[in-house]
N, C-alpha and C. Protein backbone atom coordinates (compact mmCIF):
# COMPACT_ATOMS: atom_id res chain seq x y z
N MET A 1 0.84 -1.17 0.00
CA MET A 1 0.00 0.00 0.00
C MET A 1 0.90 1.24 0.00
N THR A 2 0.73 2.08 -0.95
CA THR A 2 1.52 3.29 -1.06
C THR A 2 0.62 4.50 -0.94
N THR A 3 1.21 5.58 -0.50
CA THR A 3 0.45 6.83 -0.43
C THR A 3 0.79 7.66 -1.66
N PRO A 4 -0.19 8.23 -2.27
CA PRO A 4 0.07 8.98 -3.51
C PRO A 4 0.85 10.28 -3.27
N ASP A 5 0.82 10.81 -2.06
CA ASP A 5 1.48 12.09 -1.79
C ASP A 5 2.99 11.95 -1.62
N LEU A 6 3.46 10.79 -1.19
CA LEU A 6 4.87 10.60 -0.92
C LEU A 6 5.57 9.98 -2.12
N PRO A 7 6.71 10.53 -2.53
CA PRO A 7 7.45 9.91 -3.64
C PRO A 7 8.12 8.62 -3.19
N GLU A 8 8.40 7.78 -4.14
CA GLU A 8 9.09 6.53 -3.85
C GLU A 8 10.51 6.83 -3.36
N PRO A 9 10.98 6.13 -2.33
CA PRO A 9 12.37 6.35 -1.89
C PRO A 9 13.34 5.85 -2.95
N THR A 10 14.37 6.64 -3.19
CA THR A 10 15.35 6.26 -4.20
C THR A 10 16.38 5.32 -3.59
N GLU A 11 16.87 4.45 -4.40
CA GLU A 11 17.92 3.54 -3.96
C GLU A 11 19.24 4.29 -3.84
N ARG A 12 19.96 4.02 -2.77
CA ARG A 12 21.26 4.65 -2.59
C ARG A 12 22.34 3.73 -3.14
N THR A 13 23.32 4.33 -3.75
CA THR A 13 24.43 3.54 -4.27
C THR A 13 25.37 3.19 -3.13
N GLU A 14 26.24 2.24 -3.40
CA GLU A 14 27.22 1.83 -2.39
C GLU A 14 28.14 2.98 -2.03
N ALA A 15 28.49 3.80 -3.02
CA ALA A 15 29.35 4.95 -2.78
C ALA A 15 28.68 5.95 -1.84
N GLU A 16 27.37 6.17 -2.01
CA GLU A 16 26.64 7.08 -1.12
C GLU A 16 26.58 6.55 0.30
N VAL A 17 26.39 5.26 0.43
CA VAL A 17 26.34 4.64 1.76
C VAL A 17 27.69 4.78 2.45
N ARG A 18 28.77 4.52 1.73
CA ARG A 18 30.11 4.66 2.31
C ARG A 18 30.39 6.10 2.69
N LEU A 19 30.00 7.04 1.84
CA LEU A 19 30.22 8.46 2.12
C LEU A 19 29.47 8.87 3.38
N ASN A 20 28.23 8.44 3.52
CA ASN A 20 27.45 8.77 4.71
C ASN A 20 28.09 8.15 5.96
N ARG A 21 28.58 6.95 5.82
CA ARG A 21 29.24 6.28 6.94
C ARG A 21 30.51 7.03 7.35
N LEU A 22 31.28 7.48 6.36
CA LEU A 22 32.49 8.26 6.64
C LEU A 22 32.14 9.59 7.30
N ASP A 23 31.10 10.23 6.81
CA ASP A 23 30.69 11.51 7.40
C ASP A 23 30.26 11.33 8.86
N ARG A 24 29.51 10.28 9.14
CA ARG A 24 29.09 10.03 10.53
C ARG A 24 30.29 9.74 11.41
N ARG A 25 31.25 8.98 10.89
CA ARG A 25 32.45 8.66 11.67
C ARG A 25 33.28 9.91 11.94
N ARG A 26 33.44 10.75 10.92
CA ARG A 26 34.19 12.00 11.10
C ARG A 26 33.53 12.89 12.14
N GLU A 27 32.21 12.98 12.08
CA GLU A 27 31.49 13.82 13.04
C GLU A 27 31.64 13.26 14.46
N LYS A 28 31.61 11.95 14.58
CA LYS A 28 31.79 11.32 15.90
C LYS A 28 33.18 11.62 16.44
N ILE A 29 34.19 11.54 15.60
CA ILE A 29 35.57 11.83 16.02
C ILE A 29 35.71 13.29 16.40
N ARG A 30 35.12 14.21 15.60
CA ARG A 30 35.16 15.64 15.93
C ARG A 30 34.53 15.91 17.29
N ALA A 31 33.39 15.28 17.54
CA ALA A 31 32.69 15.48 18.82
C ALA A 31 33.53 14.97 19.98
N GLU A 32 34.19 13.82 19.80
CA GLU A 32 35.03 13.27 20.87
C GLU A 32 36.23 14.17 21.14
N ILE A 33 36.85 14.69 20.09
CA ILE A 33 37.99 15.60 20.26
C ILE A 33 37.55 16.86 20.99
N GLN A 34 36.41 17.41 20.60
CA GLN A 34 35.92 18.61 21.26
C GLN A 34 35.64 18.35 22.74
N GLN A 35 35.06 17.21 23.04
CA GLN A 35 34.77 16.85 24.42
C GLN A 35 36.06 16.72 25.22
N ASN A 36 37.09 16.14 24.62
CA ASN A 36 38.37 15.99 25.31
C ASN A 36 39.04 17.34 25.53
N ARG A 37 38.88 18.26 24.59
CA ARG A 37 39.49 19.58 24.73
C ARG A 37 38.82 20.40 25.83
N GLU A 38 37.55 20.15 26.06
CA GLU A 38 36.82 20.90 27.09
C GLU A 38 37.26 20.51 28.49
N GLY A 39 37.88 19.37 28.63
CA GLY A 39 38.35 18.94 29.95
C GLY A 39 37.25 18.20 30.69
N GLY A 40 37.20 18.42 31.99
CA GLY A 40 36.20 17.74 32.80
C GLY A 40 36.53 16.28 33.02
N HIS A 41 37.81 15.96 32.98
CA HIS A 41 38.21 14.57 33.19
C HIS A 41 37.98 14.19 34.65
N ARG A 42 37.63 12.97 34.89
CA ARG A 42 37.36 12.52 36.26
C ARG A 42 38.65 12.31 37.03
N ILE A 43 39.69 11.86 36.36
CA ILE A 43 40.98 11.65 37.01
C ILE A 43 41.96 12.62 36.35
N PRO A 44 42.59 13.50 37.14
CA PRO A 44 43.53 14.45 36.55
C PRO A 44 44.70 13.73 35.87
N THR A 45 45.25 14.37 34.86
CA THR A 45 46.34 13.79 34.09
C THR A 45 47.57 13.54 34.96
N TRP A 46 47.83 14.45 35.91
CA TRP A 46 49.02 14.28 36.74
C TRP A 46 48.91 13.04 37.61
N VAL A 47 47.70 12.68 38.02
CA VAL A 47 47.51 11.46 38.83
C VAL A 47 47.83 10.24 37.97
N LEU A 48 47.37 10.24 36.74
CA LEU A 48 47.66 9.13 35.84
C LEU A 48 49.16 9.01 35.59
N ALA A 49 49.84 10.16 35.46
CA ALA A 49 51.29 10.15 35.24
C ALA A 49 52.01 9.59 36.45
N VAL A 50 51.59 9.95 37.65
CA VAL A 50 52.22 9.43 38.87
C VAL A 50 52.02 7.92 38.97
N VAL A 51 50.84 7.45 38.68
CA VAL A 51 50.56 6.01 38.73
C VAL A 51 51.44 5.28 37.73
N LEU A 52 51.59 5.84 36.53
CA LEU A 52 52.44 5.21 35.52
C LEU A 52 53.89 5.15 35.97
N VAL A 53 54.40 6.24 36.53
CA VAL A 53 55.78 6.27 37.02
C VAL A 53 55.97 5.24 38.12
N LEU A 54 55.04 5.17 39.06
CA LEU A 54 55.14 4.18 40.15
C LEU A 54 55.12 2.75 39.60
N PHE A 55 54.28 2.51 38.64
CA PHE A 55 54.19 1.18 38.04
C PHE A 55 55.51 0.79 37.37
N VAL A 56 56.05 1.70 36.56
CA VAL A 56 57.30 1.41 35.86
C VAL A 56 58.45 1.27 36.85
N ALA A 57 58.48 2.11 37.87
CA ALA A 57 59.54 2.02 38.89
C ALA A 57 59.45 0.68 39.64
N GLY A 58 58.27 0.26 39.99
CA GLY A 58 58.09 -1.03 40.67
C GLY A 58 58.50 -2.19 39.78
N TRP A 59 58.15 -2.12 38.53
CA TRP A 59 58.51 -3.16 37.57
C TRP A 59 60.04 -3.22 37.43
N ALA A 60 60.68 -2.08 37.30
CA ALA A 60 62.15 -2.02 37.18
C ALA A 60 62.80 -2.55 38.46
N TYR A 61 62.26 -2.22 39.62
CA TYR A 61 62.79 -2.71 40.89
C TYR A 61 62.73 -4.23 40.94
N LEU A 62 61.61 -4.81 40.51
CA LEU A 62 61.48 -6.27 40.52
C LEU A 62 62.47 -6.93 39.58
N ILE A 63 62.72 -6.33 38.45
CA ILE A 63 63.65 -6.91 37.47
C ILE A 63 65.09 -6.81 37.98
N LEU A 64 65.44 -5.66 38.53
CA LEU A 64 66.81 -5.45 38.99
C LEU A 64 67.14 -6.25 40.25
N ARG A 65 66.16 -6.53 41.09
CA ARG A 65 66.39 -7.28 42.33
C ARG A 65 66.32 -8.78 42.12
N ALA A 66 65.87 -9.24 40.98
CA ALA A 66 65.70 -10.68 40.74
C ALA A 66 67.02 -11.39 40.48
């Protein structure tokens, strides 16, 4: 059953589908970058850096003492 007022939907080519998919992916990446630039991180970067340094130092200590 079709309605006379609405035109038939046109078939999309594979190239159009890929282009739309790329556009959506680019927009998603842009939004994520913008969100990261705004900050509001739950764990400050310096805390993550300290944890990383402690982890590497502990690992090095275990290797050197073995």
